[in-house]
Amino acid sequence: MTHARSISADSLGALSQPGTPLLALAAVSFAVCVTKWATRRRTRLALSQLEPWQLRDVGLTPDQASLEASRAFWQS
């Protein structure tokens, strides 16, 4: 499984300087959004495939895991 690297506030702060093209800001915002969606989808898919004993290890019931796994990727 791959892990998403988080972007630090300092990295994004460089984009908010005067003169940064609006298209660049929009592209970064879009990329961040799509990355979050992809991570949610991957995580929920993996959650749906866990065995009951694995769910107990992470403190979830099968019903809780099923509910979370059934949510759409755009829902936080």
C-alpha atoms as a PDB file:
ATOM      1  CA  MET A   1       0.000   0.000   0.000  1.00  0.00           C
ATOM      2  CA  THR A   2       1.303   3.453  -0.783  1.00  0.00           C
ATOM      3  CA  HIS A   3       1.206   6.319   1.624  1.00  0.00           C
ATOM      4  CA  ALA A   4       0.316   9.839   0.618  1.00  0.00           C
ATOM      5  CA  ARG A   5       2.857  12.450   1.557  1.00  0.00           C
ATOM      6  CA  SER A   6       1.357  15.465   3.191  1.00  0.00           C
ATOM      7  CA  ILE A   7       2.227  18.904   1.925  1.00  0.00           C
ATOM      8  CA  SER A   8       3.518  21.190   4.620  1.00  0.00           C
ATOM      9  CA  ALA A   9       1.999  24.587   5.256  1.00  0.00           C
ATOM     10  CA  ASP A  10       5.358  26.131   4.334  1.00  0.00           C
ATOM     11  CA  SER A  11       5.239  24.492   0.911  1.00  0.00           C
ATOM     12  CA  LEU A  12       1.752  25.808   0.233  1.00  0.00           C
ATOM     13  CA  GLY A  13       2.658  29.182   1.712  1.00  0.00           C
ATOM     14  CA  ALA A  14       5.035  29.763  -1.180  1.00  0.00           C
ATOM     15  CA  LEU A  15       2.064  29.618  -3.532  1.00  0.00           C
ATOM     16  CA  SER A  16       0.168  32.355  -1.715  1.00  0.00           C
ATOM     17  CA  GLN A  17       2.747  35.010  -2.460  1.00  0.00           C
ATOM     18  CA  PRO A  18       1.715  37.962  -4.604  1.00  0.00           C
ATOM     19  CA  GLY A  19       2.151  37.269  -8.278  1.00  0.00           C
ATOM     20  CA  THR A  20       1.366  33.565  -8.128  1.00  0.00           C
ATOM     21  CA  PRO A  21      -0.798  32.839 -11.163  1.00  0.00           C
ATOM     22  CA  LEU A  22      -4.414  32.055 -10.379  1.00  0.00           C
ATOM     23  CA  LEU A  23      -4.236  28.993 -12.596  1.00  0.00           C
ATOM     24  CA  ALA A  24      -1.348  27.611 -10.508  1.00  0.00           C
ATOM     25  CA  LEU A  25      -3.360  28.075  -7.314  1.00  0.00           C
ATOM     26  CA  ALA A  26      -6.371  26.377  -8.864  1.00  0.00           C
ATOM     27  CA  ALA A  27      -4.233  23.484 -10.142  1.00  0.00           C
ATOM     28  CA  VAL A  28      -2.690  22.891  -6.718  1.00  0.00           C
ATOM     29  CA  SER A  29      -6.083  23.058  -5.013  1.00  0.00           C
ATOM     30  CA  PHE A  30      -7.465  20.564  -7.512  1.00  0.00           C
ATOM     31  CA  ALA A  31      -4.487  18.227  -7.038  1.00  0.00           C
ATOM     32  CA  VAL A  32      -4.882  18.337  -3.247  1.00  0.00           C
ATOM     33  CA  CYS A  33      -8.592  17.548  -3.543  1.00  0.00           C
ATOM     34  CA  VAL A  34      -8.067  14.626  -5.938  1.00  0.00           C
ATOM     35  CA  THR A  35      -5.300  13.244  -3.713  1.00  0.00           C
ATOM     36  CA  LYS A  36      -7.601  13.329  -0.672  1.00  0.00           C
ATOM     37  CA  TRP A  37     -10.331  11.571  -2.642  1.00  0.00           C
ATOM     38  CA  ALA A  38      -7.937   8.870  -3.860  1.00  0.00           C
ATOM     39  CA  THR A  39      -6.647   8.292  -0.333  1.00  0.00           C
ATOM     40  CA  ARG A  40     -10.187   7.987   1.042  1.00  0.00           C
ATOM     41  CA  ARG A  41     -11.134   5.524  -1.692  1.00  0.00           C
ATOM     42  CA  ARG A  42      -8.055   3.365  -1.103  1.00  0.00           C
ATOM     43  CA  THR A  43      -8.476   3.441   2.672  1.00  0.00           C
ATOM     44  CA  ARG A  44     -12.174   2.552   2.539  1.00  0.00           C
ATOM     45  CA  LEU A  45     -11.511  -0.275   0.106  1.00  0.00           C
ATOM     46  CA  ALA A  46      -8.838  -1.677   2.422  1.00  0.00           C
ATOM     47  CA  LEU A  47     -11.179  -1.282   5.400  1.00  0.00           C
ATOM     48  CA  SER A  48     -13.873  -3.268   3.635  1.00  0.00           C
ATOM     49  CA  GLN A  49     -11.450  -6.174   3.197  1.00  0.00           C
ATOM     50  CA  LEU A  50     -10.361  -6.509   6.831  1.00  0.00           C
ATOM     51  CA  GLU A  51     -11.267  -9.589   8.828  1.00  0.00           C
ATOM     52  CA  PRO A  52     -13.303  -9.223  12.047  1.00  0.00           C
ATOM     53  CA  TRP A  53     -10.243  -9.870  14.227  1.00  0.00           C
ATOM     54  CA  GLN A  54      -8.345  -7.115  12.380  1.00  0.00           C
ATOM     55  CA  LEU A  55     -11.245  -4.712  12.907  1.00  0.00           C
ATOM     56  CA  ARG A  56     -11.181  -5.480  16.640  1.00  0.00           C
ATOM     57  CA  ASP A  57      -7.473  -4.617  16.649  1.00  0.00           C
ATOM     58  CA  VAL A  58      -8.246  -1.134  15.326  1.00  0.00           C
ATOM     59  CA  GLY A  59     -11.286  -0.715  17.579  1.00  0.00           C
ATOM     60  CA  LEU A  60     -14.060  -1.021  15.019  1.00  0.00           C
ATOM     61  CA  THR A  61     -17.053  -3.287  14.776  1.00  0.00           C
ATOM     62  CA  PRO A  62     -17.901  -4.911  11.429  1.00  0.00           C
ATOM     63  CA  ASP A  63     -20.985  -2.662  11.243  1.00  0.00           C
ATOM     64  CA  GLN A  64     -18.911   0.486  11.762  1.00  0.00           C
ATOM     65  CA  ALA A  65     -16.394  -0.639   9.146  1.00  0.00           C
ATOM     66  CA  SER A  66     -19.145  -1.474   6.681  1.00  0.00           C
ATOM     67  CA  LEU A  67     -20.775   1.914   7.179  1.00  0.00           C
ATOM     68  CA  GLU A  68     -17.494   3.751   6.649  1.00  0.00           C
ATOM     69  CA  ALA A  69     -16.531   1.613   3.652  1.00  0.00           C
ATOM     70  CA  SER A  70     -19.883   2.308   1.980  1.00  0.00           C
ATOM     71  CA  ARG A  71     -19.412   6.075   2.055  1.00  0.00           C
ATOM     72  CA  ALA A  72     -18.567   7.830  -1.194  1.00  0.00           C
ATOM     73  CA  PHE A  73     -14.977   9.008  -1.649  1.00  0.00           C
ATOM     74  CA  TRP A  74     -15.977  12.670  -1.637  1.00  0.00           C
ATOM     75  CA  GLN A  75     -17.599  12.379   1.800  1.00  0.00           C
ATOM     76  CA  SER A  76     -15.288  13.114   4.703  1.00  0.00           C
END
